[in-house]
Amino acid sequence: INGSHSWIVLGGGFAVQPSEFAKVGLVLLLAML
């Protein structure tokens, strides 16, 4: 979408961008380490 292969289309006009959730995951892991 828009030149970036960053999405997973769920149907019904909805799509998710996992890289956004990766921000949360990285924050928690770095804090733990």
Full PDB file with SEQRES, HELIX, SHEET, SSBOND, CRYST1, ORIGX, SCALE, CONECT and MASTER records, all heavy atoms in Angstrom:
SEQRES   1 A   33  ILE ASN GLY SER HIS SER TRP ILE VAL LEU GLY GLY GLY          
SEQRES   2 A   33  PHE ALA VAL GLN PRO SER GLU PHE ALA LYS VAL GLY LEU          
SEQRES   3 A   33  VAL LEU LEU LEU ALA MET LEU                                  
HELIX    1 AA1 PRO A   18  MET A   32  1                                  15    
SHEET    1 AA1 2 ILE A   8  GLY A  11  0                                        
SHEET    2 AA1 2 PHE A  14  VAL A  16 -1                                        
CRYST1    1.000    1.000    1.000  90.00  90.00  90.00 P 1           1          
ORIGX1      1.000000  0.000000  0.000000        0.00000                         
ORIGX2      0.000000  1.000000  0.000000        0.00000                         
ORIGX3      0.000000  0.000000  1.000000        0.00000                         
SCALE1      1.000000  0.000000  0.000000        0.00000                         
SCALE2      0.000000  1.000000  0.000000        0.00000                         
SCALE3      0.000000  0.000000  1.000000        0.00000                         
ATOM      1  N   ILE A   1       0.860  -1.184   0.000  1.00  0.00           N  
ATOM      2  CA  ILE A   1       0.000   0.000   0.000  1.00  0.00           C  
ATOM      3  C   ILE A   1       0.888   1.223   0.000  1.00  0.00           C  
ATOM      4  O   ILE A   1       1.780   1.343   0.836  1.00  0.00           O  
ATOM      5  CB  ILE A   1      -0.944   0.019   1.228  1.00  0.00           C  
ATOM      6  CG1 ILE A   1      -1.865  -1.206   1.211  1.00  0.00           C  
ATOM      7  CG2 ILE A   1      -1.785   1.302   1.240  1.00  0.00           C  
ATOM      8  CD1 ILE A   1      -2.780  -1.302   2.427  1.00  0.00           C  
ATOM      9  N   ASN A   2       0.650   2.118  -0.944  1.00  0.00           N  
ATOM     10  CA  ASN A   2       1.443   3.353  -1.067  1.00  0.00           C  
ATOM     11  C   ASN A   2       2.940   3.067  -1.207  1.00  0.00           C  
ATOM     12  O   ASN A   2       3.787   3.747  -0.624  1.00  0.00           O  
ATOM     13  CB  ASN A   2       1.204   4.280   0.133  1.00  0.00           C  
ATOM     14  CG  ASN A   2      -0.216   4.816   0.170  1.00  0.00           C  
ATOM     15  OD1 ASN A   2      -0.860   4.959  -0.865  1.00  0.00           O  
ATOM     16  ND2 ASN A   2      -0.704   5.106   1.364  1.00  0.00           N  
ATOM     17  N   GLY A   3       3.269   2.023  -1.964  1.00  0.00           N  
ATOM     18  CA  GLY A   3       4.663   1.738  -2.262  1.00  0.00           C  
ATOM     19  C   GLY A   3       5.412   0.985  -1.191  1.00  0.00           C  
ATOM     20  O   GLY A   3       6.598   0.703  -1.345  1.00  0.00           O  
ATOM     21  N   SER A   4       4.750   0.644  -0.081  1.00  0.00           N  
ATOM     22  CA  SER A   4       5.416  -0.047   1.017  1.00  0.00           C  
ATOM     23  C   SER A   4       4.717  -1.373   1.289  1.00  0.00           C  
ATOM     24  O   SER A   4       3.511  -1.407   1.505  1.00  0.00           O  
ATOM     25  CB  SER A   4       5.411   0.827   2.282  1.00  0.00           C  
ATOM     26  OG  SER A   4       6.096   0.178   3.332  1.00  0.00           O  
ATOM     27  N   HIS A   5       5.504  -2.447   1.276  1.00  0.00           N  
ATOM     28  CA  HIS A   5       4.954  -3.791   1.520  1.00  0.00           C  
ATOM     29  C   HIS A   5       4.906  -4.033   3.028  1.00  0.00           C  
ATOM     30  O   HIS A   5       5.618  -4.870   3.578  1.00  0.00           O  
ATOM     31  CB  HIS A   5       5.829  -4.836   0.832  1.00  0.00           C  
ATOM     32  CG  HIS A   5       5.169  -6.164   0.661  1.00  0.00           C  
ATOM     33  ND1 HIS A   5       4.238  -6.418  -0.328  1.00  0.00           N  
ATOM     34  CD2 HIS A   5       5.285  -7.320   1.360  1.00  0.00           C  
ATOM     35  CE1 HIS A   5       3.835  -7.670  -0.236  1.00  0.00           C  
ATOM     36  NE2 HIS A   5       4.458  -8.247   0.787  1.00  0.00           N  
ATOM     37  N   SER A   6       4.047  -3.272   3.716  1.00  0.00           N  
ATOM     38  CA  SER A   6       4.036  -3.237   5.175  1.00  0.00           C  
ATOM     39  C   SER A   6       2.732  -3.703   5.789  1.00  0.00           C  
ATOM     40  O   SER A   6       2.569  -3.624   7.007  1.00  0.00           O  
ATOM     41  CB  SER A   6       4.314  -1.801   5.667  1.00  0.00           C  
ATOM     42  OG  SER A   6       5.470  -1.272   5.084  1.00  0.00           O  
ATOM     43  N   TRP A   7       1.819  -4.195   4.974  1.00  0.00           N  
ATOM     44  CA  TRP A   7       0.458  -4.406   5.463  1.00  0.00           C  
ATOM     45  C   TRP A   7       0.010  -5.852   5.311  1.00  0.00           C  
ATOM     46  O   TRP A   7       0.473  -6.579   4.433  1.00  0.00           O  
ATOM     47  CB  TRP A   7      -0.517  -3.511   4.693  1.00  0.00           C  
ATOM     48  CG  TRP A   7      -0.173  -2.063   4.779  1.00  0.00           C  
ATOM     49  CD1 TRP A   7       0.740  -1.392   4.001  1.00  0.00           C  
ATOM     50  CD2 TRP A   7      -0.691  -1.116   5.699  1.00  0.00           C  
ATOM     51  NE1 TRP A   7       0.796  -0.081   4.394  1.00  0.00           N  
ATOM     52  CE2 TRP A   7      -0.069   0.126   5.429  1.00  0.00           C  
ATOM     53  CE3 TRP A   7      -1.642  -1.189   6.721  1.00  0.00           C  
ATOM     54  CZ2 TRP A   7      -0.346   1.272   6.143  1.00  0.00           C  
ATOM     55  CZ3 TRP A   7      -1.935  -0.041   7.440  1.00  0.00           C  
ATOM     56  CH2 TRP A   7      -1.290   1.172   7.149  1.00  0.00           C  
ATOM     57  N   ILE A   8      -0.935  -6.221   6.173  1.00  0.00           N  
ATOM     58  CA  ILE A   8      -1.652  -7.493   6.050  1.00  0.00           C  
ATOM     59  C   ILE A   8      -3.132  -7.151   5.958  1.00  0.00           C  
ATOM     60  O   ILE A   8      -3.715  -6.619   6.909  1.00  0.00           O  
ATOM     61  CB  ILE A   8      -1.399  -8.413   7.256  1.00  0.00           C  
ATOM     62  CG1 ILE A   8       0.087  -8.779   7.345  1.00  0.00           C  
ATOM     63  CG2 ILE A   8      -2.247  -9.680   7.154  1.00  0.00           C  
ATOM     64  CD1 ILE A   8       0.434  -9.613   8.556  1.00  0.00           C  
ATOM     65  N   VAL A   9      -3.720  -7.395   4.814  1.00  0.00           N  
ATOM     66  CA  VAL A   9      -5.118  -7.045   4.576  1.00  0.00           C  
ATOM     67  C   VAL A   9      -6.015  -8.095   5.210  1.00  0.00           C  
ATOM     68  O   VAL A   9      -5.866  -9.303   4.963  1.00  0.00           O  
ATOM     69  CB  VAL A   9      -5.406  -6.927   3.067  1.00  0.00           C  
ATOM     70  CG1 VAL A   9      -6.890  -6.632   2.833  1.00  0.00           C  
ATOM     71  CG2 VAL A   9      -4.551  -5.839   2.441  1.00  0.00           C  
ATOM     72  N   LEU A  10      -6.957  -7.645   6.035  1.00  0.00           N  
ATOM     73  CA  LEU A  10      -7.857  -8.546   6.748  1.00  0.00           C  
ATOM     74  C   LEU A  10      -9.199  -8.701   6.053  1.00  0.00           C  
ATOM     75  O   LEU A  10      -9.973  -9.587   6.374  1.00  0.00           O  
ATOM     76  CB  LEU A  10      -8.086  -8.032   8.175  1.00  0.00           C  
ATOM     77  CG  LEU A  10      -6.830  -7.858   9.032  1.00  0.00           C  
ATOM     78  CD1 LEU A  10      -7.201  -7.297  10.397  1.00  0.00           C  
ATOM     79  CD2 LEU A  10      -6.077  -9.169   9.173  1.00  0.00           C  
ATOM     80  N   GLY A  11      -9.499  -7.810   5.106  1.00  0.00           N  
ATOM     81  CA  GLY A  11     -10.793  -7.829   4.451  1.00  0.00           C  
ATOM     82  C   GLY A  11     -11.744  -6.848   5.098  1.00  0.00           C  
ATOM     83  O   GLY A  11     -11.529  -6.388   6.228  1.00  0.00           O  
ATOM     84  N   GLY A  12     -12.804  -6.526   4.380  1.00  0.00           N  
ATOM     85  CA  GLY A  12     -13.789  -5.591   4.904  1.00  0.00           C  
ATOM     86  C   GLY A  12     -13.251  -4.177   5.025  1.00  0.00           C  
ATOM     87  O   GLY A  12     -13.770  -3.378   5.820  1.00  0.00           O  
ATOM     88  N   GLY A  13     -12.211  -3.872   4.260  1.00  0.00           N  
ATOM     89  CA  GLY A  13     -11.631  -2.537   4.319  1.00  0.00           C  
ATOM     90  C   GLY A  13     -10.639  -2.342   5.450  1.00  0.00           C  
ATOM     91  O   GLY A  13     -10.187  -1.224   5.691  1.00  0.00           O  
ATOM     92  N   PHE A  14     -10.292  -3.404   6.167  1.00  0.00           N  
ATOM     93  CA  PHE A  14      -9.369  -3.296   7.293  1.00  0.00           C  
ATOM     94  C   PHE A  14      -8.034  -3.947   6.954  1.00  0.00           C  
ATOM     95  O   PHE A  14      -7.973  -4.971   6.261  1.00  0.00           O  
ATOM     96  CB  PHE A  14      -9.954  -3.952   8.544  1.00  0.00           C  
ATOM     97  CG  PHE A  14     -11.100  -3.194   9.139  1.00  0.00           C  
ATOM     98  CD1 PHE A  14     -12.415  -3.503   8.775  1.00  0.00           C  
ATOM     99  CD2 PHE A  14     -10.884  -2.175  10.050  1.00  0.00           C  
ATOM    100  CE1 PHE A  14     -13.479  -2.806   9.321  1.00  0.00           C  
ATOM    101  CE2 PHE A  14     -11.946  -1.476  10.597  1.00  0.00           C  
ATOM    102  CZ  PHE A  14     -13.245  -1.787  10.237  1.00  0.00           C  
ATOM    103  N   ALA A  15      -6.961  -3.334   7.458  1.00  0.00           N  
ATOM    104  CA  ALA A  15      -5.616  -3.866   7.281  1.00  0.00           C  
ATOM    105  C   ALA A  15      -4.788  -3.501   8.506  1.00  0.00           C  
ATOM    106  O   ALA A  15      -5.056  -2.498   9.171  1.00  0.00           O  
ATOM    107  CB  ALA A  15      -4.968  -3.302   6.014  1.00  0.00           C  
ATOM    108  N   VAL A  16      -3.800  -4.327   8.829  1.00  0.00           N  
ATOM    109  CA  VAL A  16      -2.936  -4.055   9.974  1.00  0.00           C  
ATOM    110  C   VAL A  16      -1.506  -3.868   9.482  1.00  0.00           C  
ATOM    111  O   VAL A  16      -1.094  -4.452   8.474  1.00  0.00           O  
ATOM    112  CB  VAL A  16      -2.984  -5.187  11.021  1.00  0.00           C  
ATOM    113  CG1 VAL A  16      -4.355  -5.282  11.640  1.00  0.00           C  
ATOM    114  CG2 VAL A  16      -2.576  -6.519  10.406  1.00  0.00           C  
ATOM    115  N   GLN A  17      -0.758  -3.057  10.212  1.00  0.00           N  
ATOM    116  CA  GLN A  17       0.641  -2.787   9.910  1.00  0.00           C  
ATOM    117  C   GLN A  17       1.486  -3.279  11.093  1.00  0.00           C  
ATOM    118  O   GLN A  17       1.648  -2.575  12.087  1.00  0.00           O  
ATOM    119  CB  GLN A  17       0.854  -1.288   9.675  1.00  0.00           C  
ATOM    120  CG  GLN A  17       2.217  -0.940   9.122  1.00  0.00           C  
ATOM    121  CD  GLN A  17       2.339   0.538   8.804  1.00  0.00           C  
ATOM    122  OE1 GLN A  17       1.470   1.335   9.143  1.00  0.00           O  
ATOM    123  NE2 GLN A  17       3.430   0.913   8.153  1.00  0.00           N  
ATOM    124  N   PRO A  18       2.028  -4.486  11.012  1.00  0.00           N  
ATOM    125  CA  PRO A  18       2.750  -5.070  12.145  1.00  0.00           C  
ATOM    126  C   PRO A  18       3.904  -4.228  12.658  1.00  0.00           C  
ATOM    127  O   PRO A  18       4.275  -4.335  13.828  1.00  0.00           O  
ATOM    128  CB  PRO A  18       3.245  -6.408  11.585  1.00  0.00           C  
ATOM    129  CG  PRO A  18       2.256  -6.751  10.524  1.00  0.00           C  
ATOM    130  CD  PRO A  18       1.907  -5.443   9.894  1.00  0.00           C  
ATOM    131  N   SER A  19       4.502  -3.399  11.809  1.00  0.00           N  
ATOM    132  CA  SER A  19       5.636  -2.597  12.251  1.00  0.00           C  
ATOM    133  C   SER A  19       5.253  -1.619  13.356  1.00  0.00           C  
ATOM    134  O   SER A  19       6.107  -1.216  14.155  1.00  0.00           O  
ATOM    135  CB  SER A  19       6.239  -1.827  11.068  1.00  0.00           C  
ATOM    136  OG  SER A  19       5.272  -0.998  10.450  1.00  0.00           O  
ATOM    137  N   GLU A  20       3.972  -1.232  13.429  1.00  0.00           N  
ATOM    138  CA  GLU A  20       3.531  -0.343  14.510  1.00  0.00           C  
ATOM    139  C   GLU A  20       3.573  -1.072  15.851  1.00  0.00           C  
ATOM    140  O   GLU A  20       4.008  -0.521  16.868  1.00  0.00           O  
ATOM    141  CB  GLU A  20       2.118   0.169  14.227  1.00  0.00           C  
ATOM    142  CG  GLU A  20       2.012   1.137  13.059  1.00  0.00           C  
ATOM    143  CD  GLU A  20       2.693   2.470  13.349  1.00  0.00           C  
ATOM    144  OE1 GLU A  20       2.885   2.804  14.533  1.00  0.00           O  
ATOM    145  OE2 GLU A  20       3.054   3.168  12.389  1.00  0.00           O  
ATOM    146  N   PHE A  21       3.131  -2.310  15.866  1.00  0.00           N  
ATOM    147  CA  PHE A  21       3.187  -3.096  17.095  1.00  0.00           C  
ATOM    148  C   PHE A  21       4.628  -3.447  17.465  1.00  0.00           C  
ATOM    149  O   PHE A  21       4.942  -3.673  18.640  1.00  0.00           O  
ATOM    150  CB  PHE A  21       2.359  -4.368  16.958  1.00  0.00           C  
ATOM    151  CG  PHE A  21       0.881  -4.128  16.822  1.00  0.00           C  
ATOM    152  CD1 PHE A  21       0.153  -4.721  15.809  1.00  0.00           C  
ATOM    153  CD2 PHE A  21       0.225  -3.291  17.715  1.00  0.00           C  
ATOM    154  CE1 PHE A  21      -1.214  -4.499  15.687  1.00  0.00           C  
ATOM    155  CE2 PHE A  21      -1.143  -3.065  17.602  1.00  0.00           C  
ATOM    156  CZ  PHE A  21      -1.866  -3.666  16.584  1.00  0.00           C  
ATOM    157  N   ALA A  22       5.506  -3.500  16.450  1.00  0.00           N  
ATOM    158  CA  ALA A  22       6.912  -3.790  16.716  1.00  0.00           C  
ATOM    159  C   ALA A  22       7.542  -2.711  17.592  1.00  0.00           C  
ATOM    160  O   ALA A  22       8.478  -2.984  18.350  1.00  0.00           O  
ATOM    161  CB  ALA A  22       7.683  -3.922  15.401  1.00  0.00           C  
ATOM    162  N   LYS A  23       7.039  -1.486  17.501  1.00  0.00           N  
ATOM    163  CA  LYS A  23       7.545  -0.408  18.352  1.00  0.00           C  
ATOM    164  C   LYS A  23       7.296  -0.738  19.823  1.00  0.00           C  
ATOM    165  O   LYS A  23       8.186  -0.590  20.664  1.00  0.00           O  
ATOM    166  CB  LYS A  23       6.861   0.918  17.991  1.00  0.00           C  
ATOM    167  CG  LYS A  23       7.094   1.392  16.564  1.00  0.00           C  
ATOM    168  CD  LYS A  23       6.252   2.617  16.259  1.00  0.00           C  
ATOM    169  CE  LYS A  23       6.362   3.040  14.808  1.00  0.00           C  
ATOM    170  NZ  LYS A  23       5.479   4.190  14.471  1.00  0.00           N  
ATOM    171  N   VAL A  24       6.086  -1.206  20.119  1.00  0.00           N  
ATOM    172  CA  VAL A  24       5.739  -1.566  21.498  1.00  0.00           C  
ATOM    173  C   VAL A  24       6.581  -2.743  21.963  1.00  0.00           C  
ATOM    174  O   VAL A  24       7.136  -2.744  23.074  1.00  0.00           O  
ATOM    175  CB  VAL A  24       4.239  -1.904  21.612  1.00  0.00           C  
ATOM    176  CG1 VAL A  24       3.889  -2.308  23.040  1.00  0.00           C  
ATOM    177  CG2 VAL A  24       3.381  -0.728  21.169  1.00  0.00           C  
ATOM    178  N   GLY A  25       6.696  -3.767  21.119  1.00  0.00           N  
ATOM    179  CA  GLY A  25       7.482  -4.934  21.479  1.00  0.00           C  
ATOM    180  C   GLY A  25       8.936  -4.601  21.744  1.00  0.00           C  
ATOM    181  O   GLY A  25       9.543  -5.116  22.705  1.00  0.00           O  
ATOM    182  N   LEU A  26       9.515  -3.732  20.922  1.00  0.00           N  
ATOM    183  CA  LEU A  26      10.917  -3.363  21.102  1.00  0.00           C  
ATOM    184  C   LEU A  26      11.115  -2.544  22.369  1.00  0.00           C  
ATOM    185  O   LEU A  26      12.101  -2.732  23.093  1.00  0.00           O  
ATOM    186  CB  LEU A  26      11.414  -2.584  19.883  1.00  0.00           C  
ATOM    187  CG  LEU A  26      12.910  -2.240  19.879  1.00  0.00           C  
ATOM    188  CD1 LEU A  26      13.752  -3.512  19.903  1.00  0.00           C  
ATOM    189  CD2 LEU A  26      13.272  -1.379  18.670  1.00  0.00           C  
ATOM    190  N   VAL A  27      10.192  -1.649  22.663  1.00  0.00           N  
ATOM    191  CA  VAL A  27      10.277  -0.844  23.889  1.00  0.00           C  
ATOM    192  C   VAL A  27      10.335  -1.749  25.113  1.00  0.00           C  
ATOM    193  O   VAL A  27      11.186  -1.580  26.005  1.00  0.00           O  
ATOM    194  CB  VAL A  27       9.078   0.129  23.999  1.00  0.00           C  
ATOM    195  CG1 VAL A  27       8.969   0.690  25.412  1.00  0.00           C  
ATOM    196  CG2 VAL A  27       9.228   1.265  23.001  1.00  0.00           C  
ATOM    197  N   LEU A  28       9.448  -2.731  25.187  1.00  0.00           N  
ATOM    198  CA  LEU A  28       9.389  -3.617  26.351  1.00  0.00           C  
ATOM    199  C   LEU A  28      10.636  -4.492  26.453  1.00  0.00           C  
ATOM    200  O   LEU A  28      11.180  -4.694  27.552  1.00  0.00           O  
ATOM    201  CB  LEU A  28       8.136  -4.491  26.279  1.00  0.00           C  
ATOM    202  CG  LEU A  28       6.793  -3.751  26.390  1.00  0.00           C  
ATOM    203  CD1 LEU A  28       5.636  -4.717  26.186  1.00  0.00           C  
ATOM    204  CD2 LEU A  28       6.669  -3.058  27.741  1.00  0.00           C  
ATOM    205  N   LEU A  29      11.112  -5.003  25.314  1.00  0.00           N  
ATOM    206  CA  LEU A  29      12.291  -5.863  25.359  1.00  0.00           C  
ATOM    207  C   LEU A  29      13.531  -5.081  25.781  1.00  0.00           C  
ATOM    208  O   LEU A  29      14.329  -5.552  26.604  1.00  0.00           O  
ATOM    209  CB  LEU A  29      12.520  -6.516  23.996  1.00  0.00           C  
ATOM    210  CG  LEU A  29      13.691  -7.497  23.965  1.00  0.00           C  
ATOM    211  CD1 LEU A  29      13.340  -8.750  24.751  1.00  0.00           C  
ATOM    212  CD2 LEU A  29      14.097  -7.858  22.547  1.00  0.00           C  
ATOM    213  N   LEU A  30      13.722  -3.886  25.221  1.00  0.00           N  
ATOM    214  CA  LEU A  30      14.881  -3.079  25.578  1.00  0.00           C  
ATOM    215  C   LEU A  30      14.854  -2.716  27.062  1.00  0.00           C  
ATOM    216  O   LEU A  30      15.897  -2.736  27.736  1.00  0.00           O  
ATOM    217  CB  LEU A  30      14.926  -1.813  24.727  1.00  0.00           C  
ATOM    218  CG  LEU A  30      15.184  -2.013  23.228  1.00  0.00           C  
ATOM    219  CD1 LEU A  30      15.137  -0.683  22.503  1.00  0.00           C  
ATOM    220  CD2 LEU A  30      16.524  -2.701  22.988  1.00  0.00           C  
ATOM    221  N   ALA A  31      13.669  -2.367  27.567  1.00  0.00           N  
ATOM    222  CA  ALA A  31      13.546  -2.029  28.990  1.00  0.00           C  
ATOM    223  C   ALA A  31      13.903  -3.232  29.858  1.00  0.00           C  
ATOM    224  O   ALA A  31      14.578  -3.099  30.886  1.00  0.00           O  
ATOM    225  CB  ALA A  31      12.135  -1.551  29.298  1.00  0.00           C  
ATOM    226  N   MET A  32      13.474  -4.416  29.441  1.00  0.00           N  
ATOM    227  CA  MET A  32      13.801  -5.620  30.203  1.00  0.00           C  
ATOM    228  C   MET A  32      15.309  -5.891  30.200  1.00  0.00           C  
ATOM    229  O   MET A  32      15.908  -6.197  31.234  1.00  0.00           O  
ATOM    230  CB  MET A  32      13.073  -6.822  29.602  1.00  0.00           C  
ATOM    231  CG  MET A  32      13.285  -8.126  30.356  1.00  0.00           C  
ATOM    232  SD  MET A  32      13.291  -9.582  29.274  1.00  0.00           S  
ATOM    233  CE  MET A  32      14.863  -9.398  28.430  1.00  0.00           C  
ATOM    234  N   LEU A  33      15.941  -5.750  29.035  1.00  0.00           N  
ATOM    235  CA  LEU A  33      17.367  -6.049  28.925  1.00  0.00           C  
ATOM    236  C   LEU A  33      18.233  -5.056  29.689  1.00  0.00           C  
ATOM    237  O   LEU A  33      19.264  -5.426  30.266  1.00  0.00           O  
ATOM    238  CB  LEU A  33      17.781  -6.051  27.444  1.00  0.00           C  
ATOM    239  CG  LEU A  33      17.264  -7.212  26.592  1.00  0.00           C  
ATOM    240  CD1 LEU A  33      17.559  -6.971  25.128  1.00  0.00           C  
ATOM    241  CD2 LEU A  33      17.884  -8.529  27.050  1.00  0.00           C  
TER     242      LEU A  33                                                      
MASTER        0    0    0    1    2    0    0    6  241    1    0    3          
END                                                                             
